[in-house]
Each structure stands twice: as C-alpha cells, then as structure tokens.
Amino acid sequence: MTTVNVAIVYYSAMGNVHALAHAAAEGAEKAGARVRVRRVAETAPAAAVAANAAWERYRAEHAEVPEPVHEDLVWADAVLWGTPTRFGNPSSQLRAFIETTGPLWAQGKLAGKVYSAFTSSSTLHGGQESTILALANTFYHWGGVIVPPGYTDPVQFQTGNPYGTSHVAGAPGNQVAPSEVTLQAAAYQARRVTDVAAALKAGRAAA
C-alpha cells in the first residue's frame, strides 16, 4: 500500500479528545501511515485553567504534546481534527489555529487532502454532529475530500455516529473517559481515512 502522512490536530481541555486523538493515531499507524499528533495552543486565560483542577492537571500531565504548525498540514495527505463541542461548534482554540491557515488556502496547499473529524461533549445531545458539520464547512472551502466513518464497520453500529467518532463525557467534575468501544471507533475512523488517502495518492501517482 502507498504510504501516507496523517496529521491529527486537536484541542482537549479535560483529556477526552486527547484520548480519542491518540487512539486515532494508533489506528492510522497500524494502517501503515506516518503520523504526527499535534495539540493546538491553549488560549484560555491562565486563571480559568487554574480554577479547574481537572483542566490544570490535564495540561500539566500532557505538556509534551507539540503544537501544530502550517508545515504539518502541508506534509499531511490526510488530517483528522478533534475538538470538544462548544455550543454546537468547534472550540475557539482549534478555530484559532484553523483561522491562521489563510496563506496555505490561498496557495491551494490544503486542497485535495483527506479530512475527517471527531468530538466530545458533556451531554448526549450536546451538539456533536453540528460540531463536526461546522468543521466540514472549512473543509469545503479548502477543497478537501471529506471522509466520515459512516456505517462501514460493525463498531459504528455500537457507537452510532456516522459523522465522526463522538464521546459523551458527562458533567464537569463527574466526567467519564472514552469507553473501549469509542476508542475502537476512533482507531477505525483513522484507518478508514488512511486507506482512502492511500488510494487517492496511488491513483494520482498512476494518472
């Protein structure tokens, strides 16, 4: 199979999206991809982070995750984007990075790549699908190839979201980590993205 480069770019405050991102990385690697995992910069005030013990603990325990740069997107054949749901939209932290990509878009360097997204929310109907669809609006503007997981694997019938892997974390202070099934769904989504990106790359090379 053609080897592809997969970037996983995400924001996480409590560690739930972080867990999904690393499950996705494992899935992409097992599918033969070269993988970069990047977490966008924290833009919330330090006082806000310090006021939430779980938020502060997560940042301290995972300070080693590098932040994305534009070169990561240029390098990638496919990018999986992860974000918590914020009022049915992607987090402002992830959007802040996305909104720096105008120069790449203007040069056509984001077109033709495979894109997919995953999310986490506090409640069952917390805007998961609208968050993923909101990210897709950006992918349309970039000229990307959107690859959702769909119902293309048995694990998808257990997690139930064809738009992208989604986790219900619960209320702040009483959150639960992604289940093994949800992590399997994230890994599957990344494998599917890798397979489609590899097929596209091979087809373009043969054209």
N, C-alpha and C. Protein backbone atom coordinates (compact mmCIF):
# COMPACT_ATOMS: atom_id res chain seq x y z
N MET A 1 0.83 -1.19 0.00
CA MET A 1 0.00 0.00 0.00
C MET A 1 0.87 1.25 0.00
N THR A 2 0.43 2.27 -0.69
CA THR A 2 1.13 3.55 -0.69
C THR A 2 1.16 4.12 0.73
N THR A 3 2.34 4.55 1.16
CA THR A 3 2.46 5.13 2.50
C THR A 3 1.97 6.57 2.48
N VAL A 4 1.15 6.91 3.46
CA VAL A 4 0.61 8.26 3.53
C VAL A 4 1.00 8.92 4.85
N ASN A 5 0.96 10.24 4.84
CA ASN A 5 1.22 11.03 6.03
C ASN A 5 -0.11 11.48 6.63
N VAL A 6 -0.31 11.20 7.89
CA VAL A 6 -1.55 11.56 8.57
C VAL A 6 -1.23 12.46 9.76
N ALA A 7 -1.82 13.64 9.78
CA ALA A 7 -1.70 14.55 10.93
C ALA A 7 -3.00 14.49 11.73
N ILE A 8 -2.85 14.46 13.04
CA ILE A 8 -4.00 14.50 13.93
C ILE A 8 -3.87 15.77 14.76
N VAL A 9 -4.75 16.71 14.51
CA VAL A 9 -4.68 18.03 15.13
C VAL A 9 -5.92 18.20 16.01
N TYR A 10 -5.72 18.52 17.28
CA TYR A 10 -6.86 18.54 18.19
C TYR A 10 -6.67 19.56 19.30
N TYR A 11 -7.77 19.82 20.00
CA TYR A 11 -7.74 20.57 21.25
C TYR A 11 -8.44 19.72 22.30
N SER A 12 -7.90 19.71 23.50
CA SER A 12 -8.52 18.99 24.61
C SER A 12 -8.29 19.77 25.89
N ALA A 13 -9.33 19.87 26.71
CA ALA A 13 -9.21 20.56 28.00
C ALA A 13 -9.15 19.57 29.16
N MET A 14 -9.93 18.50 29.07
CA MET A 14 -10.01 17.54 30.17
C MET A 14 -9.37 16.19 29.86
N GLY A 15 -8.95 16.00 28.61
CA GLY A 15 -8.29 14.76 28.24
C GLY A 15 -9.12 13.80 27.43
N ASN A 16 -10.41 14.08 27.24
CA ASN A 16 -11.25 13.16 26.48
C ASN A 16 -10.91 13.16 24.99
N VAL A 17 -10.81 14.33 24.40
CA VAL A 17 -10.43 14.40 22.99
C VAL A 17 -8.98 13.95 22.81
N HIS A 18 -8.15 14.20 23.81
CA HIS A 18 -6.76 13.71 23.79
C HIS A 18 -6.75 12.19 23.64
N ALA A 19 -7.59 11.50 24.41
CA ALA A 19 -7.65 10.04 24.33
C ALA A 19 -8.12 9.58 22.95
N LEU A 20 -9.11 10.26 22.39
CA LEU A 20 -9.58 9.92 21.05
C LEU A 20 -8.48 10.14 20.02
N ALA A 21 -7.75 11.24 20.16
CA ALA A 21 -6.68 11.55 19.21
C ALA A 21 -5.60 10.48 19.21
N HIS A 22 -5.24 10.02 20.38
CA HIS A 22 -4.17 9.02 20.45
C HIS A 22 -4.66 7.64 20.00
N ALA A 23 -5.94 7.35 20.20
CA ALA A 23 -6.50 6.12 19.63
C ALA A 23 -6.50 6.20 18.11
N ALA A 24 -6.83 7.37 17.58
CA ALA A 24 -6.80 7.57 16.13
C ALA A 24 -5.38 7.42 15.60
N ALA A 25 -4.41 7.95 16.32
CA ALA A 25 -3.02 7.83 15.89
C ALA A 25 -2.60 6.37 15.81
N GLU A 26 -3.00 5.60 16.80
CA GLU A 26 -2.67 4.17 16.80
C GLU A 26 -3.33 3.47 15.61
N GLY A 27 -4.57 3.82 15.33
CA GLY A 27 -5.25 3.21 14.19
C GLY A 27 -4.59 3.54 12.88
N ALA A 28 -4.19 4.80 12.69
CA ALA A 28 -3.52 5.20 11.46
C ALA A 28 -2.17 4.52 11.31
N GLU A 29 -1.43 4.41 12.41
CA GLU A 29 -0.12 3.75 12.36
C GLU A 29 -0.27 2.28 11.99
N LYS A 30 -1.27 1.62 12.56
CA LYS A 30 -1.49 0.21 12.24
C LYS A 30 -1.91 0.02 10.79
N ALA A 31 -2.47 1.07 10.19
CA ALA A 31 -2.84 1.01 8.77
C ALA A 31 -1.66 1.37 7.87
N GLY A 32 -0.50 1.65 8.47
CA GLY A 32 0.70 1.89 7.69
C GLY A 32 1.07 3.34 7.48
N ALA A 33 0.38 4.26 8.14
CA ALA A 33 0.64 5.69 7.94
C ALA A 33 1.80 6.18 8.80
N ARG A 34 2.45 7.23 8.32
CA ARG A 34 3.33 8.03 9.17
C ARG A 34 2.44 9.06 9.85
N VAL A 35 2.57 9.21 11.15
CA VAL A 35 1.61 10.01 11.91
C VAL A 35 2.29 11.11 12.72
N ARG A 36 1.68 12.27 12.72
CA ARG A 36 2.05 13.36 13.61
C ARG A 36 0.83 13.72 14.45
N VAL A 37 1.01 13.79 15.76
CA VAL A 37 -0.06 14.17 16.68
C VAL A 37 0.26 15.55 17.23
N ARG A 38 -0.67 16.48 17.07
CA ARG A 38 -0.44 17.87 17.46
C ARG A 38 -1.66 18.42 18.21
N ARG A 39 -1.40 19.09 19.33
CA ARG A 39 -2.47 19.74 20.09
C ARG A 39 -2.32 21.25 19.97
N VAL A 40 -3.38 21.93 19.61
CA VAL A 40 -3.30 23.38 19.41
C VAL A 40 -3.09 24.09 20.74
N ALA A 41 -2.63 25.31 20.65
CA ALA A 41 -2.29 26.10 21.83
C ALA A 41 -3.51 26.41 22.69
N GLU A 42 -3.29 26.47 23.97
CA GLU A 42 -4.34 26.89 24.90
C GLU A 42 -4.46 28.41 24.86
N THR A 43 -5.65 28.89 24.61
CA THR A 43 -5.87 30.33 24.54
C THR A 43 -6.71 30.85 25.70
N ALA A 44 -7.21 29.95 26.54
CA ALA A 44 -7.99 30.38 27.70
C ALA A 44 -7.07 31.08 28.71
N PRO A 45 -7.59 32.03 29.45
CA PRO A 45 -6.77 32.70 30.47
C PRO A 45 -6.22 31.71 31.49
N ALA A 46 -5.00 31.93 31.92
CA ALA A 46 -4.37 31.04 32.89
C ALA A 46 -5.21 30.90 34.16
N ALA A 47 -5.88 31.97 34.54
CA ALA A 47 -6.71 31.93 35.74
C ALA A 47 -7.88 30.97 35.58
N ALA A 48 -8.43 30.89 34.36
CA ALA A 48 -9.54 29.98 34.10
C ALA A 48 -9.08 28.53 34.20
N VAL A 49 -7.91 28.25 33.65
CA VAL A 49 -7.36 26.89 33.73
C VAL A 49 -7.07 26.53 35.18
N ALA A 50 -6.44 27.43 35.91
CA ALA A 50 -6.06 27.18 37.30
C ALA A 50 -7.27 26.97 38.21
N ALA A 51 -8.41 27.53 37.82
CA ALA A 51 -9.62 27.42 38.64
C ALA A 51 -10.30 26.06 38.49
N ASN A 52 -9.87 25.27 37.51
CA ASN A 52 -10.46 23.95 37.26
C ASN A 52 -9.36 22.91 37.44
N ALA A 53 -9.44 22.13 38.51
CA ALA A 53 -8.37 21.19 38.85
C ALA A 53 -8.14 20.16 37.75
N ALA A 54 -9.21 19.66 37.14
CA ALA A 54 -9.06 18.65 36.09
C ALA A 54 -8.39 19.24 34.86
N TRP A 55 -8.77 20.44 34.51
CA TRP A 55 -8.19 21.14 33.36
C TRP A 55 -6.71 21.38 33.61
N GLU A 56 -6.38 21.90 34.78
CA GLU A 56 -4.98 22.19 35.11
C GLU A 56 -4.15 20.91 35.15
N ARG A 57 -4.71 19.85 35.71
CA ARG A 57 -3.99 18.57 35.80
C ARG A 57 -3.71 18.00 34.42
N TYR A 58 -4.72 18.04 33.55
CA TYR A 58 -4.50 17.53 32.19
C TYR A 58 -3.39 18.30 31.49
N ARG A 59 -3.39 19.62 31.58
CA ARG A 59 -2.36 20.42 30.91
C ARG A 59 -0.98 20.08 31.44
N ALA A 60 -0.87 19.86 32.75
CA ALA A 60 0.43 19.56 33.35
C ALA A 60 0.92 18.17 32.95
N GLU A 61 0.01 17.21 32.90
CA GLU A 61 0.40 15.83 32.62
C GLU A 61 0.74 15.59 31.16
N HIS A 62 0.26 16.45 30.26
CA HIS A 62 0.47 16.23 28.83
C HIS A 62 1.08 17.44 28.15
N ALA A 63 1.96 18.10 28.87
CA ALA A 63 2.62 19.30 28.33
C ALA A 63 3.56 18.97 27.17
N GLU A 64 3.87 17.69 27.01
CA GLU A 64 4.86 17.30 25.98
C GLU A 64 4.29 17.29 24.56
N VAL A 65 2.98 17.34 24.41
CA VAL A 65 2.40 17.26 23.06
C VAL A 65 2.74 18.54 22.29
N PRO A 66 3.40 18.41 21.13
CA PRO A 66 3.77 19.62 20.37
C PRO A 66 2.56 20.30 19.75
N GLU A 67 2.70 21.59 19.52
CA GLU A 67 1.66 22.36 18.86
C GLU A 67 1.82 22.26 17.34
N PRO A 68 0.72 22.35 16.60
CA PRO A 68 0.82 22.26 15.14
C PRO A 68 1.40 23.52 14.53
N VAL A 69 2.04 23.34 13.40
CA VAL A 69 2.50 24.45 12.57
C VAL A 69 1.97 24.19 11.16
N HIS A 70 2.03 25.20 10.32
CA HIS A 70 1.49 25.04 8.97
C HIS A 70 2.17 23.92 8.20
N GLU A 71 3.43 23.69 8.46
CA GLU A 71 4.16 22.64 7.74
C GLU A 71 3.55 21.27 7.98
N ASP A 72 2.95 21.07 9.16
CA ASP A 72 2.29 19.79 9.44
C ASP A 72 1.15 19.54 8.46
N LEU A 73 0.42 20.59 8.12
CA LEU A 73 -0.70 20.45 7.19
C LEU A 73 -0.21 20.24 5.76
N VAL A 74 0.86 20.92 5.39
CA VAL A 74 1.44 20.74 4.06
C VAL A 74 1.96 19.32 3.92
N TRP A 75 2.61 18.82 4.96
CA TRP A 75 3.19 17.47 4.98
C TRP A 75 2.12 16.39 4.84
N ALA A 76 0.97 16.63 5.43
CA ALA A 76 -0.05 15.59 5.54
C ALA A 76 -0.79 15.33 4.23
N ASP A 77 -1.07 14.05 4.01
CA ASP A 77 -2.01 13.65 2.95
C ASP A 77 -3.43 13.65 3.50
N ALA A 78 -3.54 13.48 4.81
CA ALA A 78 -4.85 13.45 5.48
C ALA A 78 -4.70 14.08 6.86
N VAL A 79 -5.76 14.75 7.30
CA VAL A 79 -5.76 15.37 8.62
C VAL A 79 -7.06 15.01 9.34
N LEU A 80 -6.93 14.47 10.53
CA LEU A 80 -8.08 14.26 11.41
C LEU A 80 -8.08 15.37 12.46
N TRP A 81 -9.23 16.00 12.63
CA TRP A 81 -9.37 17.13 13.54
C TRP A 81 -10.24 16.73 14.72
N GLY A 82 -9.78 17.02 15.93
CA GLY A 82 -10.54 16.69 17.12
C GLY A 82 -10.80 17.91 17.98
N THR A 83 -12.01 18.00 18.51
CA THR A 83 -12.38 19.15 19.33
C THR A 83 -13.52 18.82 20.28
N PRO A 84 -13.53 19.42 21.46
CA PRO A 84 -14.75 19.36 22.26
C PRO A 84 -15.84 20.20 21.58
N THR A 85 -17.06 19.89 21.91
CA THR A 85 -18.18 20.69 21.41
C THR A 85 -18.35 21.93 22.29
N ARG A 86 -18.46 23.08 21.66
CA ARG A 86 -18.69 24.33 22.37
C ARG A 86 -19.93 25.00 21.77
N PHE A 87 -21.07 24.85 22.44
CA PHE A 87 -22.33 25.40 21.93
C PHE A 87 -22.60 24.93 20.50
N GLY A 88 -22.32 23.65 20.24
CA GLY A 88 -22.57 23.09 18.92
C GLY A 88 -21.54 23.44 17.87
N ASN A 89 -20.42 24.00 18.30
CA ASN A 89 -19.35 24.41 17.39
C ASN A 89 -18.00 23.89 17.87
N PRO A 90 -16.99 23.93 17.00
CA PRO A 90 -15.64 23.58 17.45
C PRO A 90 -15.16 24.57 18.51
N SER A 91 -14.20 24.15 19.31
CA SER A 91 -13.64 25.03 20.33
C SER A 91 -12.94 26.22 19.70
N SER A 92 -12.91 27.32 20.43
CA SER A 92 -12.23 28.52 19.93
C SER A 92 -10.73 28.28 19.77
N GLN A 93 -10.18 27.39 20.58
CA GLN A 93 -8.75 27.10 20.48
C GLN A 93 -8.42 26.46 19.12
N LEU A 94 -9.24 25.48 18.71
CA LEU A 94 -9.00 24.86 17.42
C LEU A 94 -9.27 25.84 16.29
N ARG A 95 -10.34 26.61 16.42
CA ARG A 95 -10.65 27.60 15.38
C ARG A 95 -9.53 28.62 15.24
N ALA A 96 -8.91 28.99 16.35
CA ALA A 96 -7.83 29.98 16.29
C ALA A 96 -6.70 29.50 15.40
N PHE A 97 -6.38 28.21 15.49
CA PHE A 97 -5.33 27.68 14.61
C PHE A 97 -5.82 27.61 13.17
N ILE A 98 -7.03 27.11 12.97
CA ILE A 98 -7.57 26.99 11.61
C ILE A 98 -7.58 28.35 10.91
N GLU A 99 -7.89 29.38 11.67
CA GLU A 99 -8.01 30.71 11.06
C GLU A 99 -6.66 31.33 10.71
N THR A 100 -5.56 30.65 11.03
CA THR A 100 -4.24 31.11 10.57
C THR A 100 -3.85 30.50 9.24
N THR A 101 -4.69 29.62 8.70
CA THR A 101 -4.30 28.86 7.51
C THR A 101 -4.62 29.55 6.20
N GLY A 102 -5.06 30.80 6.26
CA GLY A 102 -5.40 31.52 5.03
C GLY A 102 -4.32 31.50 3.97
N PRO A 103 -3.05 31.75 4.32
CA PRO A 103 -2.00 31.71 3.30
C PRO A 103 -1.87 30.35 2.61
N LEU A 104 -2.04 29.26 3.37
CA LEU A 104 -1.98 27.93 2.75
C LEU A 104 -3.16 27.73 1.81
N TRP A 105 -4.35 28.14 2.25
CA TRP A 105 -5.54 28.04 1.40
C TRP A 105 -5.35 28.84 0.12
N ALA A 106 -4.82 30.05 0.23
CA ALA A 106 -4.65 30.92 -0.94
C ALA A 106 -3.70 30.31 -1.96
N GLN A 107 -2.77 29.50 -1.49
CA GLN A 107 -1.81 28.85 -2.39
C GLN A 107 -2.29 27.47 -2.86
N GLY A 108 -3.48 27.08 -2.43
CA GLY A 108 -4.02 25.78 -2.82
C GLY A 108 -3.37 24.60 -2.12
N LYS A 109 -2.65 24.86 -1.03
CA LYS A 109 -1.90 23.79 -0.37
C LYS A 109 -2.75 22.92 0.55
N LEU A 110 -3.99 23.28 0.74
CA LEU A 110 -4.89 22.47 1.57
C LEU A 110 -5.90 21.70 0.73
N ALA A 111 -5.89 21.92 -0.57
CA ALA A 111 -6.85 21.26 -1.47
C ALA A 111 -6.44 19.82 -1.74
N GLY A 112 -7.43 18.97 -1.95
CA GLY A 112 -7.18 17.61 -2.36
C GLY A 112 -6.75 16.67 -1.25
N LYS A 113 -6.66 17.17 -0.04
CA LYS A 113 -6.29 16.32 1.09
C LYS A 113 -7.55 15.70 1.70
N VAL A 114 -7.37 14.61 2.41
CA VAL A 114 -8.49 13.95 3.08
C VAL A 114 -8.66 14.55 4.47
N TYR A 115 -9.91 14.87 4.83
CA TYR A 115 -10.20 15.44 6.14
C TYR A 115 -11.33 14.67 6.83
N SER A 116 -11.23 14.59 8.14
CA SER A 116 -12.24 13.93 8.95
C SER A 116 -12.19 14.55 10.34
N ALA A 117 -13.23 14.32 11.16
CA ALA A 117 -13.28 14.98 12.46
C ALA A 117 -13.94 14.10 13.52
N PHE A 118 -13.57 14.37 14.77
CA PHE A 118 -14.16 13.67 15.92
C PHE A 118 -14.35 14.67 17.06
N THR A 119 -15.20 14.31 18.03
CA THR A 119 -15.56 15.29 19.05
C THR A 119 -15.97 14.63 20.37
N SER A 120 -16.16 15.47 21.37
CA SER A 120 -16.66 15.04 22.68
C SER A 120 -17.54 16.15 23.23
N SER A 121 -18.60 15.76 23.93
CA SER A 121 -19.49 16.74 24.56
C SER A 121 -19.86 16.26 25.95
N SER A 122 -20.39 17.16 26.75
CA SER A 122 -20.78 16.80 28.11
C SER A 122 -22.08 16.02 28.14
N THR A 123 -22.99 16.31 27.20
CA THR A 123 -24.31 15.70 27.23
C THR A 123 -24.60 14.93 25.95
N LEU A 124 -25.61 14.08 26.02
CA LEU A 124 -25.94 13.19 24.90
C LEU A 124 -26.33 13.97 23.66
N HIS A 125 -27.02 15.07 23.81
CA HIS A 125 -27.42 15.88 22.67
C HIS A 125 -26.72 17.23 22.73
N GLY A 126 -25.43 17.19 22.94
CA GLY A 126 -24.66 18.41 23.16
C GLY A 126 -24.09 19.06 21.93
N GLY A 127 -24.58 18.67 20.75
CA GLY A 127 -24.12 19.33 19.53
C GLY A 127 -22.98 18.64 18.82
N GLN A 128 -22.84 17.33 19.02
CA GLN A 128 -21.72 16.61 18.42
C GLN A 128 -21.75 16.68 16.89
N GLU A 129 -22.89 16.36 16.32
CA GLU A 129 -22.97 16.34 14.85
C GLU A 129 -22.80 17.73 14.27
N SER A 130 -23.39 18.74 14.91
CA SER A 130 -23.24 20.10 14.38
C SER A 130 -21.80 20.58 14.49
N THR A 131 -21.07 20.11 15.48
CA THR A 131 -19.66 20.48 15.60
C THR A 131 -18.86 19.91 14.44
N ILE A 132 -19.09 18.64 14.13
CA ILE A 132 -18.38 18.01 13.01
C ILE A 132 -18.78 18.66 11.69
N LEU A 133 -20.06 18.96 11.53
CA LEU A 133 -20.51 19.62 10.31
C LEU A 133 -19.94 21.02 10.19
N ALA A 134 -19.78 21.71 11.31
CA ALA A 134 -19.17 23.05 11.28
C ALA A 134 -17.73 22.98 10.80
N LEU A 135 -17.00 21.97 11.23
CA LEU A 135 -15.64 21.78 10.73
C LEU A 135 -15.65 21.48 9.23
N ALA A 136 -16.65 20.73 8.80
CA ALA A 136 -16.74 20.40 7.37
C ALA A 136 -16.90 21.64 6.51
N ASN A 137 -17.52 22.70 7.03
CA ASN A 137 -17.62 23.94 6.27
C ASN A 137 -16.24 24.44 5.86
N THR A 138 -15.29 24.32 6.76
CA THR A 138 -13.91 24.72 6.45
C THR A 138 -13.31 23.81 5.39
N PHE A 139 -13.56 22.51 5.51
CA PHE A 139 -13.00 21.57 4.54
C PHE A 139 -13.53 21.84 3.13
N TYR A 140 -14.78 22.26 3.03
CA TYR A 140 -15.34 22.62 1.73
C TYR A 140 -14.57 23.78 1.12
N HIS A 141 -14.30 24.78 1.93
CA HIS A 141 -13.58 25.96 1.43
C HIS A 141 -12.16 25.59 1.00
N TRP A 142 -11.56 24.66 1.70
CA TRP A 142 -10.20 24.23 1.34
C TRP A 142 -10.18 23.38 0.07
N GLY A 143 -11.31 22.82 -0.31
CA GLY A 143 -11.32 21.89 -1.44
C GLY A 143 -10.87 20.51 -1.02
N GLY A 144 -11.21 20.13 0.21
CA GLY A 144 -10.79 18.84 0.74
C GLY A 144 -11.71 17.71 0.34
N VAL A 145 -11.25 16.50 0.63
CA VAL A 145 -12.02 15.28 0.42
C VAL A 145 -12.46 14.81 1.81
N ILE A 146 -13.74 14.94 2.11
CA ILE A 146 -14.24 14.62 3.44
C ILE A 146 -14.55 13.13 3.53
N VAL A 147 -13.96 12.47 4.51
CA VAL A 147 -14.15 11.03 4.69
C VAL A 147 -14.69 10.77 6.10
N PRO A 148 -15.99 10.57 6.23
CA PRO A 148 -16.58 10.20 7.52
C PRO A 148 -16.47 8.69 7.72
N PRO A 149 -16.64 8.22 8.95
CA PRO A 149 -16.63 6.76 9.14
C PRO A 149 -17.86 6.09 8.58
N GLY A 150 -18.99 6.81 8.55
CA GLY A 150 -20.23 6.20 8.08
C GLY A 150 -20.58 4.97 8.90
N TYR A 151 -21.40 4.12 8.33
CA TYR A 151 -21.70 2.83 8.96
C TYR A 151 -20.99 1.75 8.15
N THR A 152 -19.66 1.83 8.14
CA THR A 152 -18.86 0.96 7.28
C THR A 152 -18.08 -0.09 8.06
N ASP A 153 -18.36 -0.20 9.36
CA ASP A 153 -17.69 -1.19 10.20
C ASP A 153 -18.63 -1.51 11.36
N PRO A 154 -18.61 -2.74 11.87
CA PRO A 154 -19.51 -3.08 12.98
C PRO A 154 -19.41 -2.16 14.19
N VAL A 155 -18.23 -1.62 14.45
CA VAL A 155 -18.09 -0.74 15.62
C VAL A 155 -18.95 0.50 15.49
N GLN A 156 -19.23 0.90 14.25
CA GLN A 156 -20.04 2.10 14.04
C GLN A 156 -21.49 1.90 14.46
N PHE A 157 -21.94 0.66 14.43
CA PHE A 157 -23.31 0.38 14.86
C PHE A 157 -23.41 0.36 16.39
N GLN A 158 -22.26 0.28 17.04
CA GLN A 158 -22.25 0.35 18.51
C GLN A 158 -22.16 1.79 19.00
N THR A 159 -21.41 2.61 18.28
CA THR A 159 -21.26 4.00 18.72
C THR A 159 -22.30 4.92 18.10
N GLY A 160 -22.77 4.59 16.89
CA GLY A 160 -23.95 5.25 16.35
C GLY A 160 -23.78 6.59 15.68
N ASN A 161 -22.55 7.04 15.46
CA ASN A 161 -22.40 8.35 14.80
C ASN A 161 -21.64 8.21 13.50
N PRO A 162 -22.32 8.30 12.34
CA PRO A 162 -21.64 8.17 11.06
C PRO A 162 -20.84 9.40 10.66
N TYR A 163 -21.03 10.51 11.38
CA TYR A 163 -20.34 11.75 11.03
C TYR A 163 -18.88 11.73 11.49
N GLY A 164 -18.65 11.15 12.65
CA GLY A 164 -17.31 11.08 13.22
C GLY A 164 -17.40 10.56 14.64
N THR A 165 -16.32 10.01 15.13
CA THR A 165 -16.32 9.45 16.48
C THR A 165 -16.73 10.52 17.49
N SER A 166 -17.63 10.17 18.40
CA SER A 166 -18.15 11.12 19.38
C SER A 166 -18.24 10.46 20.75
N HIS A 167 -17.87 11.22 21.77
CA HIS A 167 -17.88 10.73 23.14
C HIS A 167 -18.75 11.62 24.01
N VAL A 168 -19.55 11.03 24.87
CA VAL A 168 -20.32 11.78 25.86
C VAL A 168 -19.60 11.68 27.19
N ALA A 169 -19.02 12.78 27.63
CA ALA A 169 -18.14 12.76 28.80
C ALA A 169 -18.88 12.90 30.12
N GLY A 170 -20.05 13.51 30.11
CA GLY A 170 -20.75 13.78 31.35
C GLY A 170 -20.44 15.16 31.88
N ALA A 171 -21.09 15.51 32.97
CA ALA A 171 -20.96 16.86 33.52
C ALA A 171 -19.57 17.10 34.08
N PRO A 172 -19.08 18.33 33.99
CA PRO A 172 -17.79 18.67 34.59
C PRO A 172 -17.75 18.28 36.06
N GLY A 173 -16.63 17.69 36.46
CA GLY A 173 -16.49 17.22 37.83
C GLY A 173 -16.93 15.78 38.02
N ASN A 174 -17.62 15.24 37.02
CA ASN A 174 -18.09 13.86 37.10
C ASN A 174 -17.97 13.19 35.73
N GLN A 175 -16.90 13.51 35.02
CA GLN A 175 -16.75 13.02 33.65
C GLN A 175 -16.20 11.60 33.61
N VAL A 176 -16.53 10.92 32.53
CA VAL A 176 -16.02 9.57 32.29
C VAL A 176 -15.17 9.59 31.04
N ALA A 177 -14.13 8.78 31.04
CA ALA A 177 -13.23 8.69 29.89
C ALA A 177 -13.91 7.92 28.76
N PRO A 178 -13.43 8.09 27.53
CA PRO A 178 -14.00 7.33 26.41
C PRO A 178 -13.92 5.83 26.67
N SER A 179 -14.98 5.13 26.33
CA SER A 179 -15.02 3.68 26.50
C SER A 179 -14.12 3.00 25.49
N GLU A 180 -13.88 1.72 25.71
CA GLU A 180 -13.05 0.96 24.77
C GLU A 180 -13.69 0.93 23.39
N VAL A 181 -15.01 0.84 23.34
CA VAL A 181 -15.70 0.83 22.05
C VAL A 181 -15.51 2.17 21.33
N THR A 182 -15.59 3.27 22.06
CA THR A 182 -15.40 4.58 21.45
C THR A 182 -13.97 4.74 20.95
N LEU A 183 -13.00 4.24 21.71
CA LEU A 183 -11.61 4.30 21.26
C LEU A 183 -11.40 3.43 20.02
N GLN A 184 -12.08 2.30 19.97
CA GLN A 184 -12.02 1.46 18.77
C GLN A 184 -12.60 2.19 17.57
N ALA A 185 -13.67 2.94 17.80
CA ALA A 185 -14.27 3.71 16.71
C ALA A 185 -13.31 4.78 16.20
N ALA A 186 -12.60 5.44 17.10
CA ALA A 186 -11.62 6.45 16.69
C ALA A 186 -10.50 5.81 15.88
N ALA A 187 -10.05 4.64 16.32
CA ALA A 187 -9.00 3.94 15.59
C ALA A 187 -9.50 3.52 14.21
N TYR A 188 -10.75 3.03 14.16
CA TYR A 188 -11.31 2.64 12.86
C TYR A 188 -11.43 3.84 11.93
N GLN A 189 -11.92 4.96 12.45
CA GLN A 189 -12.06 6.16 11.62
C GLN A 189 -10.71 6.55 11.01
N ALA A 190 -9.66 6.47 11.81
CA ALA A 190 -8.33 6.82 11.30
C ALA A 190 -7.84 5.81 10.27
N ARG A 191 -8.16 4.54 10.47
CA ARG A 191 -7.78 3.53 9.46
C ARG A 191 -8.49 3.80 8.14
N ARG A 192 -9.76 4.12 8.23
CA ARG A 192 -10.53 4.41 7.01
C ARG A 192 -9.96 5.63 6.29
N VAL A 193 -9.66 6.67 7.05
CA VAL A 193 -9.05 7.87 6.47
C VAL A 193 -7.73 7.52 5.79
N THR A 194 -6.92 6.72 6.46
CA THR A 194 -5.63 6.31 5.90
C THR A 194 -5.81 5.53 4.61
N ASP A 195 -6.74 4.59 4.61
CA ASP A 195 -6.96 3.77 3.42
C ASP A 195 -7.42 4.61 2.23
N VAL A 196 -8.34 5.54 2.47
CA VAL A 196 -8.83 6.38 1.38
C VAL A 196 -7.72 7.31 0.89
N ALA A 197 -6.96 7.87 1.81
CA ALA A 197 -5.86 8.75 1.41
C ALA A 197 -4.82 7.99 0.60
N ALA A 198 -4.55 6.75 0.99
CA ALA A 198 -3.58 5.94 0.25
C ALA A 198 -4.08 5.64 -1.16
N ALA A 199 -5.37 5.33 -1.28
CA ALA A 199 -5.94 5.06 -2.60
C ALA A 199 -5.87 6.30 -3.49
N LEU A 200 -6.19 7.46 -2.92
CA LEU A 200 -6.11 8.70 -3.70
C LEU A 200 -4.68 8.99 -4.13
N LYS A 201 -3.75 8.81 -3.21
CA LYS A 201 -2.35 9.10 -3.52
C LYS A 201 -1.82 8.17 -4.60
N ALA A 202 -2.18 6.89 -4.50
CA ALA A 202 -1.75 5.92 -5.50
C ALA A 202 -2.37 6.23 -6.85
N GLY A 203 -3.65 6.59 -6.85
CA GLY A 203 -4.33 6.91 -8.11
C GLY A 203 -3.74 8.12 -8.79
N ARG A 204 -3.41 9.14 -8.01
CA ARG A 204 -2.81 10.34 -8.59
C ARG A 204 -1.43 10.04 -9.15
N ALA A 205 -0.68 9.18 -8.46
CA ALA A 205 0.66 8.84 -8.93
C ALA A 205 0.60 8.06 -10.24
N ALA A 206 -0.47 7.28 -10.41
CA ALA A 206 -0.59 6.45 -11.61
C ALA A 206 -1.22 7.19 -12.77
N ALA A 207 -1.81 8.35 -12.50
CA ALA A 207 -2.53 9.08 -13.55
C ALA A 207 -1.57 9.65 -14.60
